[in-house]
Amino acid sequence: MPIYEYRCDDCRRVTNVFVRSARADVHARCEHCDSVHMTRMISRVSRMKTGQDVLDELGAPGVGGRPEDAYRDPRQIGRWVEQRFEDYGLDVPAETRDMIDAAREGDLPGPIADL
């Protein structure tokens, strides 16, 4: 289910058009001026970073550099803790899991946020 971008030939503003199938005929209409004179744009493409991409870019927590550098990316937070629990064959406590998940969403605990 693609979302296409169109530029209005009349007002020059961009409109996103949700299409149920890539094969469907698209009849774009400007959401700003209601014009049907639209030109399809080439949209930007992005890619999600893999865990390995993050490690390559920022390094593993605690390996080289300053320890606080390991926490520049929220996805890094908690990896070390999760790995230690796994190494010892233990489940991550619910409170710890909640803190890790919150940090990954950008809600950093005080001591880390202050770095």
N, C-alpha and C. Protein backbone atom coordinates (compact mmCIF):
# COMPACT_ATOMS: atom_id res chain seq x y z
N MET A 1 0.84 -1.17 0.00
CA MET A 1 0.00 0.00 0.00
C MET A 1 0.88 1.24 0.00
N PRO A 2 1.21 1.74 -1.18
CA PRO A 2 2.12 2.87 -1.26
C PRO A 2 1.45 4.21 -0.96
N ILE A 3 2.28 5.15 -0.60
CA ILE A 3 1.87 6.54 -0.45
C ILE A 3 2.70 7.33 -1.46
N TYR A 4 2.02 7.97 -2.40
CA TYR A 4 2.70 8.73 -3.43
C TYR A 4 2.63 10.22 -3.10
N GLU A 5 3.64 10.96 -3.54
CA GLU A 5 3.67 12.40 -3.36
C GLU A 5 3.45 13.06 -4.72
N TYR A 6 2.59 14.06 -4.72
CA TYR A 6 2.30 14.82 -5.92
C TYR A 6 2.48 16.30 -5.64
N ARG A 7 3.02 17.04 -6.62
CA ARG A 7 3.13 18.50 -6.51
C ARG A 7 2.03 19.08 -7.40
N CYS A 8 1.29 20.01 -6.82
CA CYS A 8 0.22 20.67 -7.55
C CYS A 8 0.83 21.65 -8.55
N ASP A 9 0.39 21.56 -9.80
CA ASP A 9 0.89 22.47 -10.84
C ASP A 9 0.33 23.88 -10.66
N ASP A 10 -0.74 24.02 -9.91
CA ASP A 10 -1.35 25.34 -9.72
C ASP A 10 -0.78 26.07 -8.50
N CYS A 11 -0.82 25.42 -7.32
CA CYS A 11 -0.36 26.10 -6.10
C CYS A 11 1.04 25.68 -5.67
N ARG A 12 1.63 24.66 -6.32
CA ARG A 12 2.99 24.17 -6.10
C ARG A 12 3.19 23.49 -4.74
N ARG A 13 2.12 23.20 -4.04
CA ARG A 13 2.24 22.51 -2.75
C ARG A 13 2.19 21.00 -2.96
N VAL A 14 2.69 20.26 -1.97
CA VAL A 14 2.79 18.80 -2.07
C VAL A 14 1.61 18.16 -1.35
N THR A 15 1.08 17.11 -1.99
CA THR A 15 -0.01 16.33 -1.42
C THR A 15 0.40 14.86 -1.42
N ASN A 16 0.16 14.17 -0.31
CA ASN A 16 0.41 12.74 -0.21
C ASN A 16 -0.87 12.00 -0.56
N VAL A 17 -0.75 10.97 -1.40
CA VAL A 17 -1.91 10.20 -1.82
C VAL A 17 -1.69 8.73 -1.44
N PHE A 18 -2.55 8.22 -0.58
CA PHE A 18 -2.51 6.82 -0.16
C PHE A 18 -3.22 5.98 -1.23
N VAL A 19 -2.55 4.91 -1.69
CA VAL A 19 -3.11 4.05 -2.73
C VAL A 19 -3.16 2.63 -2.20
N ARG A 20 -4.27 1.97 -2.39
CA ARG A 20 -4.44 0.62 -1.85
C ARG A 20 -3.61 -0.43 -2.60
N SER A 21 -3.24 -0.15 -3.83
CA SER A 21 -2.44 -1.10 -4.61
C SER A 21 -1.53 -0.33 -5.54
N ALA A 22 -0.32 -0.83 -5.74
CA ALA A 22 0.62 -0.17 -6.64
C ALA A 22 0.12 -0.20 -8.08
N ARG A 23 -0.80 -1.08 -8.39
CA ARG A 23 -1.35 -1.20 -9.76
C ARG A 23 -2.59 -0.36 -9.97
N ALA A 24 -3.12 0.23 -8.93
CA ALA A 24 -4.36 1.00 -9.04
C ALA A 24 -4.11 2.31 -9.77
N ASP A 25 -5.13 2.76 -10.51
CA ASP A 25 -5.07 4.08 -11.14
C ASP A 25 -5.18 5.14 -10.06
N VAL A 26 -4.33 6.16 -10.15
CA VAL A 26 -4.33 7.22 -9.15
C VAL A 26 -4.90 8.48 -9.79
N HIS A 27 -5.90 9.03 -9.13
CA HIS A 27 -6.50 10.30 -9.57
C HIS A 27 -6.26 11.30 -8.45
N ALA A 28 -5.07 11.89 -8.47
CA ALA A 28 -4.66 12.78 -7.39
C ALA A 28 -5.37 14.12 -7.49
N ARG A 29 -5.73 14.64 -6.33
CA ARG A 29 -6.37 15.95 -6.22
C ARG A 29 -5.65 16.70 -5.11
N CYS A 30 -5.31 17.96 -5.36
CA CYS A 30 -4.59 18.77 -4.39
C CYS A 30 -5.45 18.99 -3.15
N GLU A 31 -4.88 18.67 -2.00
CA GLU A 31 -5.63 18.86 -0.75
C GLU A 31 -5.65 20.32 -0.31
N HIS A 32 -4.89 21.17 -1.00
CA HIS A 32 -4.80 22.58 -0.63
C HIS A 32 -5.70 23.47 -1.49
N CYS A 33 -5.71 23.23 -2.81
CA CYS A 33 -6.51 24.09 -3.69
C CYS A 33 -7.53 23.31 -4.52
N ASP A 34 -7.58 21.99 -4.32
CA ASP A 34 -8.55 21.11 -4.98
C ASP A 34 -8.30 20.94 -6.48
N SER A 35 -7.13 21.31 -6.95
CA SER A 35 -6.79 21.17 -8.36
C SER A 35 -6.52 19.69 -8.70
N VAL A 36 -6.75 19.34 -9.96
CA VAL A 36 -6.42 17.98 -10.42
C VAL A 36 -5.17 18.00 -11.30
N HIS A 37 -4.55 19.15 -11.45
CA HIS A 37 -3.32 19.28 -12.24
C HIS A 37 -2.14 18.97 -11.33
N MET A 38 -1.79 17.69 -11.29
CA MET A 38 -0.77 17.21 -10.35
C MET A 38 0.35 16.51 -11.10
N THR A 39 1.56 16.63 -10.56
CA THR A 39 2.73 15.94 -11.10
C THR A 39 3.30 15.06 -10.00
N ARG A 40 3.47 13.78 -10.34
CA ARG A 40 4.00 12.86 -9.34
C ARG A 40 5.47 13.14 -9.10
N MET A 41 5.86 13.13 -7.82
CA MET A 41 7.24 13.41 -7.43
C MET A 41 7.96 12.09 -7.11
N ILE A 42 9.26 12.14 -7.14
CA ILE A 42 10.05 11.00 -6.70
C ILE A 42 10.29 11.19 -5.21
N SER A 43 9.81 10.25 -4.42
CA SER A 43 9.91 10.35 -2.97
C SER A 43 11.29 9.92 -2.48
N ARG A 44 11.66 10.42 -1.31
CA ARG A 44 12.91 10.00 -0.68
C ARG A 44 12.76 8.57 -0.19
N VAL A 45 13.86 7.90 -0.14
CA VAL A 45 13.90 6.53 0.36
C VAL A 45 14.77 6.52 1.60
N SER A 46 14.34 5.76 2.60
CA SER A 46 15.16 5.63 3.80
C SER A 46 15.27 4.16 4.16
N ARG A 47 16.22 3.88 4.99
CA ARG A 47 16.44 2.50 5.42
C ARG A 47 16.71 2.52 6.91
N MET A 48 16.16 1.53 7.59
CA MET A 48 16.39 1.40 9.02
C MET A 48 17.80 0.87 9.26
N LYS A 49 18.44 1.37 10.31
CA LYS A 49 19.75 0.85 10.67
C LYS A 49 19.58 -0.48 11.37
N THR A 50 20.46 -1.40 11.05
CA THR A 50 20.48 -2.68 11.75
C THR A 50 21.26 -2.52 13.04
N GLY A 51 21.16 -3.49 13.92
CA GLY A 51 21.95 -3.47 15.14
C GLY A 51 23.43 -3.38 14.83
N GLN A 52 23.87 -4.07 13.79
CA GLN A 52 25.29 -4.04 13.40
C GLN A 52 25.68 -2.65 12.89
N ASP A 53 24.78 -1.97 12.15
CA ASP A 53 25.07 -0.61 11.70
C ASP A 53 25.32 0.31 12.89
N VAL A 54 24.49 0.18 13.94
CA VAL A 54 24.64 1.02 15.13
C VAL A 54 25.97 0.72 15.81
N LEU A 55 26.31 -0.56 15.95
CA LEU A 55 27.58 -0.91 16.57
C LEU A 55 28.76 -0.42 15.75
N ASP A 56 28.67 -0.52 14.43
CA ASP A 56 29.75 -0.04 13.56
C ASP A 56 29.92 1.47 13.69
N GLU A 57 28.80 2.17 13.83
CA GLU A 57 28.84 3.63 13.91
C GLU A 57 29.27 4.13 15.28
N LEU A 58 28.74 3.53 16.34
CA LEU A 58 28.97 4.04 17.68
C LEU A 58 29.85 3.16 18.55
N GLY A 59 30.11 1.94 18.11
CA GLY A 59 30.89 1.02 18.92
C GLY A 59 30.02 0.33 19.96
N ALA A 60 30.52 -0.76 20.48
CA ALA A 60 29.81 -1.48 21.52
C ALA A 60 29.94 -0.74 22.83
N PRO A 61 28.92 -0.78 23.69
CA PRO A 61 29.01 -0.09 24.98
C PRO A 61 30.24 -0.53 25.76
N GLY A 62 31.00 0.46 26.24
CA GLY A 62 32.16 0.18 27.08
C GLY A 62 33.40 -0.26 26.33
N VAL A 63 33.37 -0.27 24.99
CA VAL A 63 34.52 -0.71 24.22
C VAL A 63 35.15 0.52 23.56
N GLY A 64 36.32 0.91 24.04
CA GLY A 64 37.04 2.05 23.47
C GLY A 64 36.33 3.36 23.75
N GLY A 65 37.04 4.45 23.65
CA GLY A 65 36.45 5.77 23.84
C GLY A 65 35.92 5.99 25.24
N ARG A 66 35.12 7.00 25.39
CA ARG A 66 34.52 7.33 26.68
C ARG A 66 33.29 6.48 26.90
N PRO A 67 33.05 6.00 28.12
CA PRO A 67 31.88 5.15 28.36
C PRO A 67 30.57 5.82 28.01
N GLU A 68 30.47 7.13 28.21
CA GLU A 68 29.21 7.80 27.93
C GLU A 68 28.89 7.86 26.43
N ASP A 69 29.90 7.68 25.58
CA ASP A 69 29.65 7.68 24.14
C ASP A 69 28.78 6.50 23.71
N ALA A 70 28.75 5.44 24.51
CA ALA A 70 27.95 4.28 24.17
C ALA A 70 26.47 4.60 24.22
N TYR A 71 26.09 5.70 24.84
CA TYR A 71 24.68 6.02 25.01
C TYR A 71 24.21 7.17 24.13
N ARG A 72 24.94 7.49 23.07
CA ARG A 72 24.50 8.55 22.17
C ARG A 72 23.27 8.11 21.38
N ASP A 73 23.10 6.84 21.19
CA ASP A 73 21.97 6.31 20.45
C ASP A 73 21.09 5.53 21.42
N PRO A 74 19.81 5.90 21.57
CA PRO A 74 18.95 5.23 22.55
C PRO A 74 18.83 3.73 22.34
N ARG A 75 19.06 3.25 21.11
CA ARG A 75 18.97 1.81 20.88
C ARG A 75 20.09 1.06 21.59
N GLN A 76 21.18 1.78 21.92
CA GLN A 76 22.29 1.15 22.63
C GLN A 76 21.95 0.90 24.10
N ILE A 77 21.08 1.76 24.63
CA ILE A 77 20.78 1.70 26.06
C ILE A 77 20.10 0.38 26.39
N GLY A 78 20.62 -0.28 27.35
CA GLY A 78 20.02 -1.53 27.80
C GLY A 78 20.59 -2.77 27.14
N ARG A 79 21.29 -2.63 26.02
CA ARG A 79 21.83 -3.83 25.35
C ARG A 79 22.79 -4.57 26.26
N TRP A 80 23.66 -3.81 26.91
CA TRP A 80 24.63 -4.44 27.80
C TRP A 80 23.90 -5.15 28.95
N VAL A 81 22.91 -4.48 29.53
CA VAL A 81 22.15 -5.07 30.65
C VAL A 81 21.44 -6.34 30.18
N GLU A 82 20.78 -6.25 29.04
CA GLU A 82 20.08 -7.43 28.50
C GLU A 82 21.05 -8.60 28.28
N GLN A 83 22.22 -8.28 27.75
CA GLN A 83 23.21 -9.33 27.48
C GLN A 83 23.70 -9.96 28.78
N ARG A 84 23.92 -9.15 29.82
CA ARG A 84 24.38 -9.70 31.10
C ARG A 84 23.32 -10.62 31.71
N PHE A 85 22.06 -10.22 31.67
CA PHE A 85 21.00 -11.09 32.19
C PHE A 85 20.95 -12.40 31.40
N GLU A 86 21.08 -12.29 30.08
CA GLU A 86 21.07 -13.50 29.25
C GLU A 86 22.27 -14.39 29.57
N ASP A 87 23.45 -13.78 29.75
CA ASP A 87 24.65 -14.55 30.08
C ASP A 87 24.48 -15.35 31.37
N TYR A 88 23.78 -14.77 32.33
CA TYR A 88 23.56 -15.44 33.61
C TYR A 88 22.31 -16.30 33.63
N GLY A 89 21.62 -16.37 32.50
CA GLY A 89 20.42 -17.21 32.41
C GLY A 89 19.24 -16.68 33.20
N LEU A 90 19.19 -15.36 33.37
CA LEU A 90 18.12 -14.73 34.14
C LEU A 90 17.20 -13.94 33.23
N ASP A 91 15.95 -13.77 33.67
CA ASP A 91 15.01 -12.91 32.96
C ASP A 91 15.24 -11.48 33.42
N VAL A 92 15.08 -10.55 32.49
CA VAL A 92 15.19 -9.13 32.84
C VAL A 92 13.97 -8.76 33.67
N PRO A 93 14.17 -8.19 34.90
CA PRO A 93 13.03 -7.80 35.72
C PRO A 93 12.13 -6.80 34.99
N ALA A 94 10.85 -6.84 35.29
CA ALA A 94 9.86 -5.98 34.61
C ALA A 94 10.22 -4.50 34.74
N GLU A 95 10.65 -4.07 35.93
CA GLU A 95 11.00 -2.66 36.13
C GLU A 95 12.19 -2.27 35.25
N THR A 96 13.17 -3.15 35.16
CA THR A 96 14.33 -2.89 34.31
C THR A 96 13.92 -2.86 32.85
N ARG A 97 13.09 -3.80 32.44
CA ARG A 97 12.59 -3.86 31.07
C ARG A 97 11.86 -2.56 30.72
N ASP A 98 11.02 -2.06 31.65
CA ASP A 98 10.29 -0.81 31.42
C ASP A 98 11.25 0.36 31.24
N MET A 99 12.31 0.41 32.06
CA MET A 99 13.30 1.48 31.94
C MET A 99 14.04 1.42 30.61
N ILE A 100 14.41 0.22 30.19
CA ILE A 100 15.12 0.05 28.92
C ILE A 100 14.22 0.48 27.77
N ASP A 101 12.97 0.01 27.78
CA ASP A 101 12.04 0.36 26.70
C ASP A 101 11.78 1.86 26.65
N ALA A 102 11.63 2.49 27.82
CA ALA A 102 11.41 3.94 27.88
C ALA A 102 12.62 4.68 27.31
N ALA A 103 13.82 4.24 27.66
CA ALA A 103 15.03 4.88 27.17
C ALA A 103 15.13 4.77 25.66
N ARG A 104 14.75 3.64 25.12
CA ARG A 104 14.80 3.45 23.67
C ARG A 104 13.79 4.36 22.95
N GLU A 105 12.76 4.76 23.66
CA GLU A 105 11.78 5.69 23.10
C GLU A 105 12.19 7.14 23.31
N GLY A 106 13.33 7.36 23.99
CA GLY A 106 13.84 8.71 24.18
C GLY A 106 13.66 9.27 25.57
N ASP A 107 13.03 8.53 26.47
CA ASP A 107 12.84 8.97 27.85
C ASP A 107 14.00 8.44 28.68
N LEU A 108 15.11 9.20 28.67
CA LEU A 108 16.33 8.75 29.32
C LEU A 108 16.28 8.97 30.82
N PRO A 109 16.80 8.01 31.61
CA PRO A 109 16.89 8.21 33.06
C PRO A 109 17.81 9.40 33.35
N GLY A 110 17.58 10.08 34.46
CA GLY A 110 18.32 11.29 34.84
C GLY A 110 19.83 11.23 34.67
N PRO A 111 20.53 10.24 35.26
CA PRO A 111 21.98 10.23 35.16
C PRO A 111 22.48 10.13 33.71
N ILE A 112 21.77 9.43 32.87
CA ILE A 112 22.21 9.30 31.46
C ILE A 112 21.86 10.56 30.69
N ALA A 113 20.68 11.12 30.94
CA ALA A 113 20.25 12.32 30.25
C ALA A 113 21.18 13.50 30.54
N ASP A 114 21.85 13.48 31.69
CA ASP A 114 22.72 14.58 32.09
C ASP A 114 24.10 14.50 31.45
N LEU A 115 24.44 13.41 30.77
CA LEU A 115 25.78 13.26 30.20
C LEU A 115 25.99 14.20 29.04
